[in-house]
Amino acid sequence: MDSLLLILGFICMIVGIFGSFIPVLPGLTASWAGLLLLYLTKAVEMNYWVLGITFVIMVVITILDYVIPAKGTKKFGGSSYGVWGTNIGLIIGILAPIPFGVIIGPFAGALIGEMMYDSKDHKRALKAATGSFLGFLASSFINFLAAVIYLGLFLSVAWKFRNILF
């Protein structure tokens, strides 16, 4: 049973790393589930502090996934229309069955929102939409770093108990 939990945990870790770039996959949530599966094995002693801290980090980063693109829009001169457009576009991009909807949605939402605010200033609208895209890239990078750190934690704990697990 421990070997099955270990294999499933490692698969979750890989899904988490891919999920930091592919928005359809549950990124950091999958990585945390992999850590949980590792700690559910009989060989590894349950460490509630590690699981609790990594859970809080996962929740904060997941929330930031929705906040960072909007902040990027604002940082690049977007109005509240652009910020709302980014958030609405992000939700539509997640739900729409189109490739790269999570990337296109916030960008298009920010662009449309800024065009609604001031239809004559195309340059400013494009700049705000670019800020939304850069915010998405920053959010993906943060997700990737956290997923790699979780993988490192997983591997270090699994290595420590390799004689019992394998």
C-alpha atoms as a PDB file:
ATOM      1  CA  MET A   1       0.000   0.000   0.000  1.00  0.00           C
ATOM      2  CA  ASP A   2       2.865   2.362   0.797  1.00  0.00           C
ATOM      3  CA  SER A   3       4.317   1.868  -2.675  1.00  0.00           C
ATOM      4  CA  LEU A   4       0.966   2.700  -4.272  1.00  0.00           C
ATOM      5  CA  LEU A   5       0.647   5.880  -2.179  1.00  0.00           C
ATOM      6  CA  LEU A   6       4.218   6.820  -3.072  1.00  0.00           C
ATOM      7  CA  ILE A   7       3.628   6.306  -6.806  1.00  0.00           C
ATOM      8  CA  LEU A   8       0.334   8.236  -6.714  1.00  0.00           C
ATOM      9  CA  GLY A   9       2.047  11.004  -4.742  1.00  0.00           C
ATOM     10  CA  PHE A  10       4.835  11.247  -7.308  1.00  0.00           C
ATOM     11  CA  ILE A  11       2.286  11.370 -10.143  1.00  0.00           C
ATOM     12  CA  CYS A  12       0.534  14.215  -8.310  1.00  0.00           C
ATOM     13  CA  MET A  13       3.872  16.032  -8.078  1.00  0.00           C
ATOM     14  CA  ILE A  14       4.428  15.740 -11.837  1.00  0.00           C
ATOM     15  CA  VAL A  15       0.841  16.860 -12.538  1.00  0.00           C
ATOM     16  CA  GLY A  16       1.482  19.824 -10.219  1.00  0.00           C
ATOM     17  CA  ILE A  17       4.558  20.909 -12.147  1.00  0.00           C
ATOM     18  CA  PHE A  18       2.760  20.630 -15.486  1.00  0.00           C
ATOM     19  CA  GLY A  19      -0.271  22.327 -13.937  1.00  0.00           C
ATOM     20  CA  SER A  20       1.770  25.423 -13.178  1.00  0.00           C
ATOM     21  CA  PHE A  21       1.923  26.019 -16.959  1.00  0.00           C
ATOM     22  CA  ILE A  22      -1.206  24.271 -18.180  1.00  0.00           C
ATOM     23  CA  PRO A  23      -4.106  26.014 -16.462  1.00  0.00           C
ATOM     24  CA  VAL A  24      -6.510  23.095 -16.962  1.00  0.00           C
ATOM     25  CA  LEU A  25      -4.477  20.952 -14.545  1.00  0.00           C
ATOM     26  CA  PRO A  26      -4.756  21.616 -10.802  1.00  0.00           C
ATOM     27  CA  GLY A  27      -1.150  22.798 -10.367  1.00  0.00           C
ATOM     28  CA  LEU A  28      -0.135  23.423  -6.814  1.00  0.00           C
ATOM     29  CA  THR A  29      -3.191  21.676  -5.404  1.00  0.00           C
ATOM     30  CA  ALA A  30      -2.029  18.440  -7.033  1.00  0.00           C
ATOM     31  CA  SER A  31       1.474  18.952  -5.635  1.00  0.00           C
ATOM     32  CA  TRP A  32       0.094  19.384  -2.142  1.00  0.00           C
ATOM     33  CA  ALA A  33      -2.032  16.257  -2.595  1.00  0.00           C
ATOM     34  CA  GLY A  34       1.195  14.427  -3.485  1.00  0.00           C
ATOM     35  CA  LEU A  35       2.759  15.582  -0.222  1.00  0.00           C
ATOM     36  CA  LEU A  36      -0.327  14.438   1.661  1.00  0.00           C
ATOM     37  CA  LEU A  37      -0.147  11.004   0.024  1.00  0.00           C
ATOM     38  CA  LEU A  38       3.506  10.709   1.025  1.00  0.00           C
ATOM     39  CA  TYR A  39       2.688  11.507   4.637  1.00  0.00           C
ATOM     40  CA  LEU A  40      -0.185   8.997   4.611  1.00  0.00           C
ATOM     41  CA  THR A  41       2.275   6.141   4.117  1.00  0.00           C
ATOM     42  CA  LYS A  42       3.050   4.101   7.221  1.00  0.00           C
ATOM     43  CA  ALA A  43       6.795   4.590   6.763  1.00  0.00           C
ATOM     44  CA  VAL A  44       6.697   8.394   6.953  1.00  0.00           C
ATOM     45  CA  GLU A  45       5.677   9.902  10.263  1.00  0.00           C
ATOM     46  CA  MET A  46       2.824  12.418   9.942  1.00  0.00           C
ATOM     47  CA  ASN A  47       4.136  15.971  10.200  1.00  0.00           C
ATOM     48  CA  TYR A  48       1.186  18.320  10.617  1.00  0.00           C
ATOM     49  CA  TRP A  49       3.416  21.389  10.586  1.00  0.00           C
ATOM     50  CA  VAL A  50       4.795  20.638   7.134  1.00  0.00           C
ATOM     51  CA  LEU A  51       1.368  19.770   5.776  1.00  0.00           C
ATOM     52  CA  GLY A  52      -0.231  22.829   7.391  1.00  0.00           C
ATOM     53  CA  ILE A  53       2.391  25.293   6.195  1.00  0.00           C
ATOM     54  CA  THR A  54       2.432  23.892   2.664  1.00  0.00           C
ATOM     55  CA  PHE A  55      -1.384  23.950   2.632  1.00  0.00           C
ATOM     56  CA  VAL A  56      -1.486  27.623   3.616  1.00  0.00           C
ATOM     57  CA  ILE A  57       1.138  28.444   0.963  1.00  0.00           C
ATOM     58  CA  MET A  58      -0.920  26.536  -1.617  1.00  0.00           C
ATOM     59  CA  VAL A  59      -4.097  28.440  -0.711  1.00  0.00           C
ATOM     60  CA  VAL A  60      -2.339  31.832  -0.795  1.00  0.00           C
ATOM     61  CA  ILE A  61      -0.724  31.140  -4.172  1.00  0.00           C
ATOM     62  CA  THR A  62      -4.021  29.858  -5.575  1.00  0.00           C
ATOM     63  CA  ILE A  63      -5.716  33.098  -4.524  1.00  0.00           C
ATOM     64  CA  LEU A  64      -2.835  35.110  -5.980  1.00  0.00           C
ATOM     65  CA  ASP A  65      -3.404  33.346  -9.317  1.00  0.00           C
ATOM     66  CA  TYR A  66      -6.561  35.404  -9.639  1.00  0.00           C
ATOM     67  CA  VAL A  67      -5.184  38.624  -8.143  1.00  0.00           C
ATOM     68  CA  ILE A  68      -1.822  38.991  -9.926  1.00  0.00           C
ATOM     69  CA  PRO A  69      -3.180  39.414 -13.497  1.00  0.00           C
ATOM     70  CA  ALA A  70      -5.540  42.153 -12.258  1.00  0.00           C
ATOM     71  CA  LYS A  71      -2.671  43.862 -10.441  1.00  0.00           C
ATOM     72  CA  GLY A  72      -0.599  43.634 -13.621  1.00  0.00           C
ATOM     73  CA  THR A  73      -3.367  45.408 -15.493  1.00  0.00           C
ATOM     74  CA  LYS A  74      -3.484  48.161 -12.873  1.00  0.00           C
ATOM     75  CA  LYS A  75       0.335  48.478 -12.793  1.00  0.00           C
ATOM     76  CA  PHE A  76       0.427  49.043 -16.547  1.00  0.00           C
ATOM     77  CA  GLY A  77      -2.020  51.916 -16.350  1.00  0.00           C
ATOM     78  CA  GLY A  78      -5.311  50.091 -16.567  1.00  0.00           C
ATOM     79  CA  SER A  79      -8.491  51.493 -15.081  1.00  0.00           C
ATOM     80  CA  SER A  80     -11.004  49.671 -12.927  1.00  0.00           C
ATOM     81  CA  TYR A  81     -12.717  48.698 -16.188  1.00  0.00           C
ATOM     82  CA  GLY A  82      -9.556  46.894 -17.260  1.00  0.00           C
ATOM     83  CA  VAL A  83      -9.225  45.175 -13.883  1.00  0.00           C
ATOM     84  CA  TRP A  84     -12.846  44.002 -14.007  1.00  0.00           C
ATOM     85  CA  GLY A  85     -12.340  42.933 -17.612  1.00  0.00           C
ATOM     86  CA  THR A  86      -9.293  40.921 -16.573  1.00  0.00           C
ATOM     87  CA  ASN A  87     -11.205  39.125 -13.823  1.00  0.00           C
ATOM     88  CA  ILE A  88     -14.242  38.439 -16.004  1.00  0.00           C
ATOM     89  CA  GLY A  89     -12.001  37.326 -18.861  1.00  0.00           C
ATOM     90  CA  LEU A  90     -10.144  34.987 -16.505  1.00  0.00           C
ATOM     91  CA  ILE A  91     -13.377  33.317 -15.419  1.00  0.00           C
ATOM     92  CA  ILE A  92     -14.620  33.036 -19.004  1.00  0.00           C
ATOM     93  CA  GLY A  93     -11.200  31.768 -20.093  1.00  0.00           C
ATOM     94  CA  ILE A  94     -11.320  29.022 -17.473  1.00  0.00           C
ATOM     95  CA  LEU A  95     -14.838  27.958 -18.442  1.00  0.00           C
ATOM     96  CA  ALA A  96     -14.562  28.365 -22.223  1.00  0.00           C
ATOM     97  CA  PRO A  97     -13.521  25.246 -24.119  1.00  0.00           C
ATOM     98  CA  ILE A  98     -10.897  27.045 -26.202  1.00  0.00           C
ATOM     99  CA  PRO A  99      -7.164  26.397 -26.222  1.00  0.00           C
ATOM    100  CA  PHE A 100      -5.225  28.838 -24.044  1.00  0.00           C
ATOM    101  CA  GLY A 101      -8.478  30.352 -22.762  1.00  0.00           C
ATOM    102  CA  VAL A 102      -6.874  31.224 -19.443  1.00  0.00           C
ATOM    103  CA  ILE A 103      -4.231  33.256 -21.257  1.00  0.00           C
ATOM    104  CA  ILE A 104      -6.488  34.803 -23.886  1.00  0.00           C
ATOM    105  CA  GLY A 105      -9.399  35.515 -21.505  1.00  0.00           C
ATOM    106  CA  PRO A 106      -7.689  37.992 -19.134  1.00  0.00           C
ATOM    107  CA  PHE A 107      -5.859  39.679 -22.015  1.00  0.00           C
ATOM    108  CA  ALA A 108      -9.034  40.095 -24.074  1.00  0.00           C
ATOM    109  CA  GLY A 109     -11.043  41.067 -20.992  1.00  0.00           C
ATOM    110  CA  ALA A 110      -8.579  43.799 -20.049  1.00  0.00           C
ATOM    111  CA  LEU A 111      -8.488  45.038 -23.637  1.00  0.00           C
ATOM    112  CA  ILE A 112     -12.283  45.113 -23.925  1.00  0.00           C
ATOM    113  CA  GLY A 113     -12.651  46.734 -20.511  1.00  0.00           C
ATOM    114  CA  GLU A 114     -10.184  49.477 -21.358  1.00  0.00           C
ATOM    115  CA  MET A 115     -11.817  50.032 -24.738  1.00  0.00           C
ATOM    116  CA  MET A 116     -15.154  50.452 -22.965  1.00  0.00           C
ATOM    117  CA  TYR A 117     -13.531  52.988 -20.647  1.00  0.00           C
ATOM    118  CA  ASP A 118     -11.882  54.984 -23.415  1.00  0.00           C
ATOM    119  CA  SER A 119     -12.469  53.747 -26.947  1.00  0.00           C
ATOM    120  CA  LYS A 120     -10.111  56.306 -28.469  1.00  0.00           C
ATOM    121  CA  ASP A 121      -6.969  55.306 -26.542  1.00  0.00           C
ATOM    122  CA  HIS A 122      -6.021  51.976 -28.131  1.00  0.00           C
ATOM    123  CA  LYS A 123      -2.423  52.239 -27.005  1.00  0.00           C
ATOM    124  CA  ARG A 124      -3.342  52.472 -23.318  1.00  0.00           C
ATOM    125  CA  ALA A 125      -5.799  49.586 -23.670  1.00  0.00           C
ATOM    126  CA  LEU A 126      -3.151  47.391 -25.275  1.00  0.00           C
ATOM    127  CA  LYS A 127      -0.643  48.355 -22.572  1.00  0.00           C
ATOM    128  CA  ALA A 128      -3.104  47.394 -19.811  1.00  0.00           C
ATOM    129  CA  ALA A 129      -3.874  44.083 -21.543  1.00  0.00           C
ATOM    130  CA  THR A 130      -0.142  43.400 -21.795  1.00  0.00           C
ATOM    131  CA  GLY A 131       0.069  43.989 -18.043  1.00  0.00           C
ATOM    132  CA  SER A 132      -2.607  41.340 -17.583  1.00  0.00           C
ATOM    133  CA  PHE A 133      -0.593  38.874 -19.687  1.00  0.00           C
ATOM    134  CA  LEU A 134       2.608  39.627 -17.774  1.00  0.00           C
ATOM    135  CA  GLY A 135       0.684  39.131 -14.535  1.00  0.00           C
ATOM    136  CA  PHE A 136      -0.382  35.712 -15.779  1.00  0.00           C
ATOM    137  CA  LEU A 137       3.247  34.845 -16.583  1.00  0.00           C
ATOM    138  CA  ALA A 138       4.364  35.985 -13.125  1.00  0.00           C
ATOM    139  CA  SER A 139       1.623  33.927 -11.510  1.00  0.00           C
ATOM    140  CA  SER A 140       2.640  30.849 -13.521  1.00  0.00           C
ATOM    141  CA  PHE A 141       6.263  31.330 -12.498  1.00  0.00           C
ATOM    142  CA  ILE A 142       5.329  31.530  -8.806  1.00  0.00           C
ATOM    143  CA  ASN A 143       3.243  28.368  -9.210  1.00  0.00           C
ATOM    144  CA  PHE A 144       6.139  26.591 -10.917  1.00  0.00           C
ATOM    145  CA  LEU A 145       8.602  27.563  -8.169  1.00  0.00           C
ATOM    146  CA  ALA A 146       6.271  26.367  -5.436  1.00  0.00           C
ATOM    147  CA  ALA A 147       5.601  23.086  -7.290  1.00  0.00           C
ATOM    148  CA  VAL A 148       9.347  22.474  -7.678  1.00  0.00           C
ATOM    149  CA  ILE A 149       9.897  23.198  -3.974  1.00  0.00           C
ATOM    150  CA  TYR A 150       7.094  20.769  -3.087  1.00  0.00           C
ATOM    151  CA  LEU A 151       8.701  18.165  -5.366  1.00  0.00           C
ATOM    152  CA  GLY A 152      12.047  18.713  -3.632  1.00  0.00           C
ATOM    153  CA  LEU A 153      10.381  18.274  -0.247  1.00  0.00           C
ATOM    154  CA  PHE A 154       8.642  15.123  -1.491  1.00  0.00           C
ATOM    155  CA  LEU A 155      11.873  13.639  -2.833  1.00  0.00           C
ATOM    156  CA  SER A 156      13.903  14.501   0.268  1.00  0.00           C
ATOM    157  CA  VAL A 157      11.364  12.870   2.599  1.00  0.00           C
ATOM    158  CA  ALA A 158      10.958   9.852   0.300  1.00  0.00           C
ATOM    159  CA  TRP A 159      14.762   9.497   0.070  1.00  0.00           C
ATOM    160  CA  LYS A 160      15.064   9.583   3.841  1.00  0.00           C
ATOM    161  CA  PHE A 161      12.691   6.613   4.103  1.00  0.00           C
ATOM    162  CA  ARG A 162      13.780   4.840   0.899  1.00  0.00           C
ATOM    163  CA  ASN A 163      14.738   1.603   2.665  1.00  0.00           C
ATOM    164  CA  ILE A 164      11.283   1.258   4.200  1.00  0.00           C
ATOM    165  CA  LEU A 165       9.268   2.486   1.198  1.00  0.00           C
ATOM    166  CA  PHE A 166      10.990   0.506  -1.548  1.00  0.00           C
END
